[in-house]
Amino acid sequence: GTALPGPPPRRGAAAAASSSSSEPLQPASDGDEGRVHLSASCVKRLLEIAEGDEFLRLQVEGGGCSGFQYKFSLDTVIQPDDRRVQVGGARVVVDVDSLAFVKGSMVDFSQELIRSSFQVVSNPQAEKGCSCGTSFSVKF
C-alpha cells in the first residue's frame, strides 16, 4: 500500500487515546523504502526501558518455522554498517544485511495478556509469516 501525504485525520480525544499501536510516527516519503518505521507504541516502550546509550537492535537471522526470524535486543555499540532510525529520542538500529529483509517495515510494540514484545509488522519484503509473528519467508 501507499501512504497518503500528511498526518492522519483526527478522530476525537476518545478515539485518539485508543488509536492503533501501529500508527507510524514519521511521514512516509518516496525515499523511505530503504528504512524501517517506528510505531507510537514502540517509541513509548523504548523510552521506558532503554537506559543511557541503549537502543533497540533489530536483526534478521536464518531459522524459525518460515525460514527467517526477527531478533530484538538492547545494545549500546553501533557498528560501521548499521542504519539508525530515531523518533522522539527512541532509537532502533538495523545492520545493512538485515535491512534488506525489513526495509519499509514498521517496528511495533504489542502488549497482550500472555506476552508483550517488539514485532515487525507490515513487512513488504515478507511473503508469509507464522502465527507467532517472529518468523517469515522472503518474497522472490
N, C-alpha and C. Protein backbone atom coordinates (compact mmCIF):
# COMPACT_ATOMS: atom_id res chain seq x y z
N GLY A 1 0.82 -1.18 0.00
CA GLY A 1 0.00 0.00 0.00
C GLY A 1 0.86 1.24 0.00
N THR A 2 0.25 2.30 -0.44
CA THR A 2 0.95 3.57 -0.46
C THR A 2 0.38 4.47 0.61
N ALA A 3 1.22 5.24 1.23
CA ALA A 3 0.79 6.14 2.28
C ALA A 3 0.36 7.46 1.67
N LEU A 4 -0.68 8.04 2.21
CA LEU A 4 -1.11 9.34 1.77
C LEU A 4 -0.26 10.39 2.45
N PRO A 5 0.06 11.49 1.76
CA PRO A 5 0.86 12.52 2.40
C PRO A 5 0.08 13.22 3.50
N GLY A 6 0.80 13.71 4.48
CA GLY A 6 0.17 14.46 5.55
C GLY A 6 -0.22 13.59 6.72
N PRO A 7 -0.62 14.24 7.82
CA PRO A 7 -0.98 13.49 9.02
C PRO A 7 -2.32 12.79 8.85
N PRO A 8 -2.56 11.71 9.62
CA PRO A 8 -3.85 11.04 9.54
C PRO A 8 -4.92 11.96 10.11
N PRO A 9 -6.18 11.77 9.68
CA PRO A 9 -7.25 12.63 10.19
C PRO A 9 -7.45 12.41 11.68
N ARG A 10 -7.83 13.48 12.40
CA ARG A 10 -8.08 13.39 13.84
C ARG A 10 -9.44 12.76 14.04
N ARG A 11 -9.52 11.87 15.06
CA ARG A 11 -10.76 11.13 15.28
C ARG A 11 -11.39 11.46 16.62
N GLY A 12 -10.99 12.53 17.26
CA GLY A 12 -11.54 12.89 18.56
C GLY A 12 -10.69 12.35 19.68
N ALA A 13 -10.84 12.89 20.88
CA ALA A 13 -9.98 12.54 22.01
C ALA A 13 -10.12 11.09 22.42
N ALA A 14 -11.35 10.56 22.47
CA ALA A 14 -11.54 9.17 22.91
C ALA A 14 -10.93 8.20 21.91
N ALA A 15 -11.12 8.45 20.63
CA ALA A 15 -10.56 7.56 19.62
C ALA A 15 -9.05 7.68 19.58
N ALA A 16 -8.53 8.88 19.77
CA ALA A 16 -7.07 9.07 19.73
C ALA A 16 -6.40 8.33 20.88
N ALA A 17 -7.05 8.28 22.03
CA ALA A 17 -6.47 7.60 23.18
C ALA A 17 -6.38 6.10 22.95
N SER A 18 -7.28 5.55 22.14
CA SER A 18 -7.26 4.11 21.89
C SER A 18 -6.88 3.82 20.45
N SER A 19 -6.08 4.68 19.84
CA SER A 19 -5.72 4.50 18.44
C SER A 19 -4.81 3.29 18.27
N SER A 20 -4.72 2.83 17.05
CA SER A 20 -3.91 1.65 16.73
C SER A 20 -2.47 1.85 17.15
N SER A 21 -1.87 0.79 17.70
CA SER A 21 -0.50 0.90 18.15
C SER A 21 0.48 0.90 16.99
N SER A 22 0.02 0.57 15.79
CA SER A 22 0.94 0.51 14.66
C SER A 22 0.86 1.76 13.80
N GLU A 23 0.34 2.84 14.34
CA GLU A 23 0.29 4.11 13.62
C GLU A 23 1.70 4.69 13.51
N PRO A 24 2.18 5.00 12.31
CA PRO A 24 3.55 5.48 12.17
C PRO A 24 3.71 6.88 12.75
N LEU A 25 4.91 7.16 13.27
CA LEU A 25 5.19 8.48 13.80
C LEU A 25 5.92 9.35 12.81
N GLN A 26 6.53 8.75 11.78
CA GLN A 26 7.18 9.60 10.80
C GLN A 26 6.44 9.46 9.48
N PRO A 27 6.25 10.58 8.76
CA PRO A 27 5.52 10.51 7.50
C PRO A 27 6.30 9.74 6.44
N ALA A 28 5.58 9.03 5.60
CA ALA A 28 6.23 8.28 4.52
C ALA A 28 6.54 9.25 3.38
N SER A 29 7.66 9.03 2.74
CA SER A 29 8.00 9.81 1.55
C SER A 29 8.65 8.85 0.56
N ASP A 30 8.94 9.34 -0.62
CA ASP A 30 9.49 8.47 -1.66
C ASP A 30 10.81 7.83 -1.27
N GLY A 31 11.60 8.44 -0.38
CA GLY A 31 12.89 7.90 0.00
C GLY A 31 12.84 6.97 1.19
N ASP A 32 11.65 6.62 1.69
CA ASP A 32 11.53 5.84 2.92
C ASP A 32 11.55 4.32 2.71
N GLU A 33 11.59 3.85 1.46
CA GLU A 33 11.55 2.40 1.26
C GLU A 33 12.78 1.72 1.85
N GLY A 34 13.89 2.42 1.99
CA GLY A 34 15.12 1.84 2.47
C GLY A 34 15.31 1.94 3.97
N ARG A 35 14.23 2.14 4.74
CA ARG A 35 14.36 2.27 6.18
C ARG A 35 13.18 1.60 6.87
N VAL A 36 13.26 1.51 8.18
CA VAL A 36 12.14 0.98 8.96
C VAL A 36 11.45 2.15 9.65
N HIS A 37 10.21 1.94 10.05
CA HIS A 37 9.41 2.95 10.71
C HIS A 37 9.10 2.48 12.12
N LEU A 38 8.87 3.41 13.03
CA LEU A 38 8.57 3.08 14.42
C LEU A 38 7.15 3.51 14.76
N SER A 39 6.39 2.61 15.36
CA SER A 39 5.04 2.96 15.79
C SER A 39 5.10 3.76 17.08
N ALA A 40 4.01 4.42 17.41
CA ALA A 40 3.94 5.19 18.65
C ALA A 40 4.17 4.30 19.87
N SER A 41 3.63 3.08 19.85
CA SER A 41 3.81 2.18 20.99
C SER A 41 5.25 1.70 21.10
N CYS A 42 5.95 1.54 19.99
CA CYS A 42 7.37 1.17 20.00
C CYS A 42 8.19 2.28 20.63
N VAL A 43 7.95 3.51 20.21
CA VAL A 43 8.69 4.65 20.76
C VAL A 43 8.43 4.77 22.26
N LYS A 44 7.18 4.66 22.65
CA LYS A 44 6.82 4.79 24.07
C LYS A 44 7.53 3.73 24.91
N ARG A 45 7.49 2.48 24.47
CA ARG A 45 8.10 1.40 25.24
C ARG A 45 9.63 1.54 25.28
N LEU A 46 10.24 1.92 24.17
CA LEU A 46 11.70 2.10 24.16
C LEU A 46 12.12 3.20 25.12
N LEU A 47 11.36 4.28 25.18
CA LEU A 47 11.69 5.36 26.11
C LEU A 47 11.57 4.90 27.56
N GLU A 48 10.71 3.92 27.81
CA GLU A 48 10.53 3.38 29.16
C GLU A 48 11.67 2.45 29.57
N ILE A 49 12.20 1.65 28.62
CA ILE A 49 13.15 0.59 29.01
C ILE A 49 14.61 0.89 28.69
N ALA A 50 14.88 1.73 27.69
CA ALA A 50 16.27 1.99 27.31
C ALA A 50 16.92 2.95 28.29
N GLU A 51 18.10 2.59 28.76
CA GLU A 51 18.83 3.42 29.72
C GLU A 51 20.12 3.92 29.09
N GLY A 52 20.46 5.17 29.33
CA GLY A 52 21.72 5.72 28.84
C GLY A 52 21.82 5.67 27.33
N ASP A 53 22.86 4.98 26.83
CA ASP A 53 23.11 4.90 25.40
C ASP A 53 22.42 3.71 24.73
N GLU A 54 21.53 3.02 25.44
CA GLU A 54 20.91 1.81 24.87
C GLU A 54 19.94 2.16 23.74
N PHE A 55 19.88 1.25 22.79
CA PHE A 55 18.93 1.34 21.69
C PHE A 55 18.45 -0.07 21.38
N LEU A 56 17.39 -0.17 20.61
CA LEU A 56 16.86 -1.46 20.20
C LEU A 56 17.54 -1.87 18.91
N ARG A 57 18.13 -3.06 18.91
CA ARG A 57 18.74 -3.62 17.70
C ARG A 57 17.79 -4.64 17.10
N LEU A 58 17.52 -4.49 15.81
CA LEU A 58 16.71 -5.44 15.06
C LEU A 58 17.63 -6.18 14.10
N GLN A 59 17.61 -7.52 14.18
CA GLN A 59 18.40 -8.35 13.28
C GLN A 59 17.49 -9.39 12.64
N VAL A 60 17.86 -9.83 11.46
CA VAL A 60 17.18 -10.94 10.80
C VAL A 60 18.17 -12.08 10.72
N GLU A 61 17.73 -13.26 11.18
CA GLU A 61 18.58 -14.45 11.17
C GLU A 61 17.87 -15.57 10.44
N GLY A 62 18.65 -16.51 9.91
CA GLY A 62 18.07 -17.70 9.33
C GLY A 62 17.50 -18.56 10.43
N GLY A 63 16.37 -19.21 10.14
CA GLY A 63 15.75 -20.09 11.14
C GLY A 63 14.28 -19.78 11.30
N GLY A 64 13.71 -20.31 12.37
CA GLY A 64 12.27 -20.13 12.58
C GLY A 64 11.48 -21.07 11.70
N CYS A 65 10.19 -21.08 11.87
CA CYS A 65 9.36 -22.04 11.13
C CYS A 65 9.11 -21.62 9.68
N SER A 66 9.46 -20.39 9.30
CA SER A 66 9.23 -19.93 7.93
C SER A 66 10.51 -19.60 7.16
N GLY A 67 11.69 -19.83 7.74
CA GLY A 67 12.94 -19.60 7.04
C GLY A 67 13.80 -18.50 7.61
N PHE A 68 13.19 -17.40 8.04
CA PHE A 68 13.91 -16.29 8.65
C PHE A 68 13.18 -15.89 9.92
N GLN A 69 13.91 -15.28 10.86
CA GLN A 69 13.26 -14.83 12.08
C GLN A 69 13.83 -13.48 12.51
N TYR A 70 12.97 -12.71 13.16
CA TYR A 70 13.38 -11.41 13.69
C TYR A 70 13.98 -11.61 15.08
N LYS A 71 15.05 -10.88 15.38
CA LYS A 71 15.65 -10.92 16.70
C LYS A 71 15.80 -9.49 17.20
N PHE A 72 15.29 -9.23 18.40
CA PHE A 72 15.38 -7.92 19.03
C PHE A 72 16.26 -8.01 20.26
N SER A 73 17.09 -6.99 20.49
CA SER A 73 17.90 -6.93 21.70
C SER A 73 18.24 -5.47 21.99
N LEU A 74 18.52 -5.20 23.26
CA LEU A 74 19.02 -3.88 23.62
C LEU A 74 20.54 -3.90 23.45
N ASP A 75 21.09 -2.85 22.87
CA ASP A 75 22.52 -2.81 22.56
C ASP A 75 23.03 -1.40 22.84
N THR A 76 24.35 -1.24 22.90
CA THR A 76 24.95 0.09 23.09
C THR A 76 26.06 0.36 22.07
N VAL A 77 26.38 -0.61 21.22
CA VAL A 77 27.50 -0.46 20.29
C VAL A 77 26.98 -0.34 18.86
N ILE A 78 27.31 0.77 18.22
CA ILE A 78 26.95 0.99 16.81
C ILE A 78 28.09 0.44 15.94
N GLN A 79 27.73 -0.43 14.99
CA GLN A 79 28.71 -0.99 14.05
C GLN A 79 28.77 -0.11 12.79
N PRO A 80 29.86 -0.19 12.04
CA PRO A 80 30.01 0.67 10.85
C PRO A 80 28.90 0.47 9.80
N ASP A 81 28.35 -0.75 9.70
CA ASP A 81 27.32 -0.98 8.67
C ASP A 81 25.89 -0.83 9.20
N ASP A 82 25.73 -0.26 10.39
CA ASP A 82 24.39 -0.09 10.98
C ASP A 82 23.67 1.11 10.37
N ARG A 83 22.38 0.96 10.25
CA ARG A 83 21.50 2.05 9.83
C ARG A 83 20.63 2.40 11.03
N ARG A 84 20.45 3.70 11.30
CA ARG A 84 19.75 4.15 12.50
C ARG A 84 18.45 4.85 12.17
N VAL A 85 17.45 4.62 13.04
CA VAL A 85 16.18 5.33 12.99
C VAL A 85 15.96 5.91 14.37
N GLN A 86 15.67 7.20 14.44
CA GLN A 86 15.41 7.83 15.73
C GLN A 86 14.14 8.64 15.64
N VAL A 87 13.24 8.41 16.60
CA VAL A 87 11.98 9.15 16.68
C VAL A 87 11.76 9.52 18.14
N GLY A 88 11.67 10.80 18.41
CA GLY A 88 11.36 11.26 19.76
C GLY A 88 12.30 10.75 20.83
N GLY A 89 13.56 10.53 20.51
CA GLY A 89 14.53 10.04 21.48
C GLY A 89 14.67 8.52 21.50
N ALA A 90 13.72 7.81 20.91
CA ALA A 90 13.81 6.34 20.83
C ALA A 90 14.64 5.98 19.59
N ARG A 91 15.57 5.01 19.77
CA ARG A 91 16.45 4.65 18.67
C ARG A 91 16.35 3.17 18.35
N VAL A 92 16.28 2.86 17.04
CA VAL A 92 16.33 1.49 16.55
C VAL A 92 17.46 1.42 15.53
N VAL A 93 18.27 0.37 15.63
CA VAL A 93 19.41 0.17 14.75
C VAL A 93 19.25 -1.16 14.03
N VAL A 94 19.52 -1.15 12.72
CA VAL A 94 19.43 -2.36 11.89
C VAL A 94 20.71 -2.44 11.07
N ASP A 95 21.37 -3.61 11.08
CA ASP A 95 22.56 -3.76 10.23
C ASP A 95 22.12 -3.81 8.77
N VAL A 96 23.01 -3.45 7.87
CA VAL A 96 22.66 -3.30 6.46
C VAL A 96 22.18 -4.62 5.85
N ASP A 97 22.73 -5.77 6.28
CA ASP A 97 22.28 -7.06 5.74
C ASP A 97 20.84 -7.35 6.16
N SER A 98 20.52 -7.08 7.43
CA SER A 98 19.15 -7.30 7.92
C SER A 98 18.17 -6.31 7.29
N LEU A 99 18.65 -5.09 7.03
CA LEU A 99 17.77 -4.06 6.47
C LEU A 99 17.17 -4.50 5.13
N ALA A 100 17.92 -5.27 4.36
CA ALA A 100 17.41 -5.76 3.08
C ALA A 100 16.14 -6.59 3.26
N PHE A 101 15.99 -7.24 4.43
CA PHE A 101 14.83 -8.09 4.70
C PHE A 101 13.68 -7.35 5.38
N VAL A 102 13.93 -6.14 5.90
CA VAL A 102 12.89 -5.44 6.66
C VAL A 102 12.62 -4.02 6.17
N LYS A 103 13.28 -3.57 5.09
CA LYS A 103 13.08 -2.19 4.65
C LYS A 103 11.62 -1.94 4.30
N GLY A 104 11.13 -0.80 4.75
CA GLY A 104 9.74 -0.44 4.55
C GLY A 104 8.80 -0.96 5.63
N SER A 105 9.32 -1.73 6.58
CA SER A 105 8.50 -2.33 7.65
C SER A 105 8.26 -1.35 8.79
N MET A 106 7.36 -1.73 9.66
CA MET A 106 7.07 -0.99 10.88
C MET A 106 7.50 -1.83 12.07
N VAL A 107 8.24 -1.23 13.02
CA VAL A 107 8.56 -1.89 14.28
C VAL A 107 7.52 -1.41 15.28
N ASP A 108 6.82 -2.38 15.89
CA ASP A 108 5.71 -2.10 16.79
C ASP A 108 5.98 -2.77 18.13
N PHE A 109 5.34 -2.28 19.18
CA PHE A 109 5.37 -2.97 20.47
C PHE A 109 3.95 -3.40 20.76
N SER A 110 3.78 -4.69 20.96
CA SER A 110 2.46 -5.26 21.21
C SER A 110 2.38 -5.78 22.63
N GLN A 111 1.33 -5.41 23.32
CA GLN A 111 1.14 -5.89 24.69
C GLN A 111 -0.19 -6.63 24.75
N GLU A 112 -0.11 -7.92 25.10
CA GLU A 112 -1.28 -8.78 25.20
C GLU A 112 -1.32 -9.38 26.59
N LEU A 113 -2.37 -10.10 26.90
CA LEU A 113 -2.49 -10.70 28.22
C LEU A 113 -1.37 -11.69 28.52
N ILE A 114 -0.97 -12.49 27.51
CA ILE A 114 0.00 -13.55 27.78
C ILE A 114 1.44 -13.17 27.44
N ARG A 115 1.63 -12.08 26.67
CA ARG A 115 3.00 -11.67 26.36
C ARG A 115 3.01 -10.24 25.85
N SER A 116 4.18 -9.66 25.92
CA SER A 116 4.40 -8.36 25.29
C SER A 116 5.73 -8.46 24.55
N SER A 117 5.79 -7.84 23.37
CA SER A 117 7.00 -7.97 22.57
C SER A 117 7.09 -6.90 21.50
N PHE A 118 8.33 -6.65 21.06
CA PHE A 118 8.54 -5.86 19.87
C PHE A 118 8.28 -6.78 18.69
N GLN A 119 7.69 -6.24 17.63
CA GLN A 119 7.36 -7.04 16.45
C GLN A 119 7.60 -6.23 15.20
N VAL A 120 7.89 -6.92 14.11
CA VAL A 120 7.94 -6.29 12.80
C VAL A 120 6.59 -6.54 12.15
N VAL A 121 5.92 -5.45 11.77
CA VAL A 121 4.62 -5.57 11.13
C VAL A 121 4.67 -4.89 9.77
N SER A 122 3.77 -5.27 8.91
CA SER A 122 3.66 -4.68 7.57
C SER A 122 4.99 -4.74 6.82
N ASN A 123 5.62 -5.92 6.80
CA ASN A 123 6.91 -6.07 6.12
C ASN A 123 6.67 -6.33 4.63
N PRO A 124 6.99 -5.36 3.77
CA PRO A 124 6.78 -5.57 2.33
C PRO A 124 7.72 -6.60 1.72
N GLN A 125 8.79 -6.99 2.43
CA GLN A 125 9.73 -7.98 1.93
C GLN A 125 9.29 -9.41 2.26
N ALA A 126 8.32 -9.56 3.17
CA ALA A 126 7.90 -10.88 3.63
C ALA A 126 6.73 -11.40 2.80
N GLU A 127 6.84 -12.65 2.39
CA GLU A 127 5.77 -13.28 1.65
C GLU A 127 4.70 -13.81 2.60
N LYS A 128 5.14 -14.50 3.63
CA LYS A 128 4.21 -15.00 4.64
C LYS A 128 4.95 -15.13 5.95
N GLY A 129 4.21 -15.11 7.02
CA GLY A 129 4.80 -15.25 8.34
C GLY A 129 4.08 -16.32 9.12
N CYS A 130 4.63 -16.67 10.26
CA CYS A 130 3.98 -17.67 11.10
C CYS A 130 3.07 -16.96 12.10
N SER A 131 2.26 -17.71 12.80
CA SER A 131 1.29 -17.12 13.72
C SER A 131 1.94 -16.44 14.91
N CYS A 132 3.18 -16.83 15.26
CA CYS A 132 3.84 -16.19 16.40
C CYS A 132 4.36 -14.80 16.05
N GLY A 133 4.49 -14.47 14.77
CA GLY A 133 4.92 -13.15 14.36
C GLY A 133 6.42 -12.93 14.40
N THR A 134 7.21 -13.97 14.70
CA THR A 134 8.67 -13.78 14.74
C THR A 134 9.37 -14.41 13.56
N SER A 135 8.66 -15.14 12.73
CA SER A 135 9.27 -15.87 11.63
C SER A 135 8.57 -15.49 10.33
N PHE A 136 9.33 -15.49 9.22
CA PHE A 136 8.74 -15.12 7.92
C PHE A 136 9.53 -15.73 6.78
N SER A 137 8.94 -15.75 5.60
CA SER A 137 9.67 -16.14 4.40
C SER A 137 9.74 -14.91 3.49
N VAL A 138 10.73 -14.91 2.60
CA VAL A 138 11.02 -13.74 1.78
C VAL A 138 10.39 -13.88 0.42
N LYS A 139 9.89 -12.75 -0.12
CA LYS A 139 9.38 -12.71 -1.50
C LYS A 139 10.54 -12.83 -2.46
N PHE A 140 10.34 -13.56 -3.54
CA PHE A 140 11.39 -13.66 -4.56
C PHE A 140 10.95 -13.03 -5.85
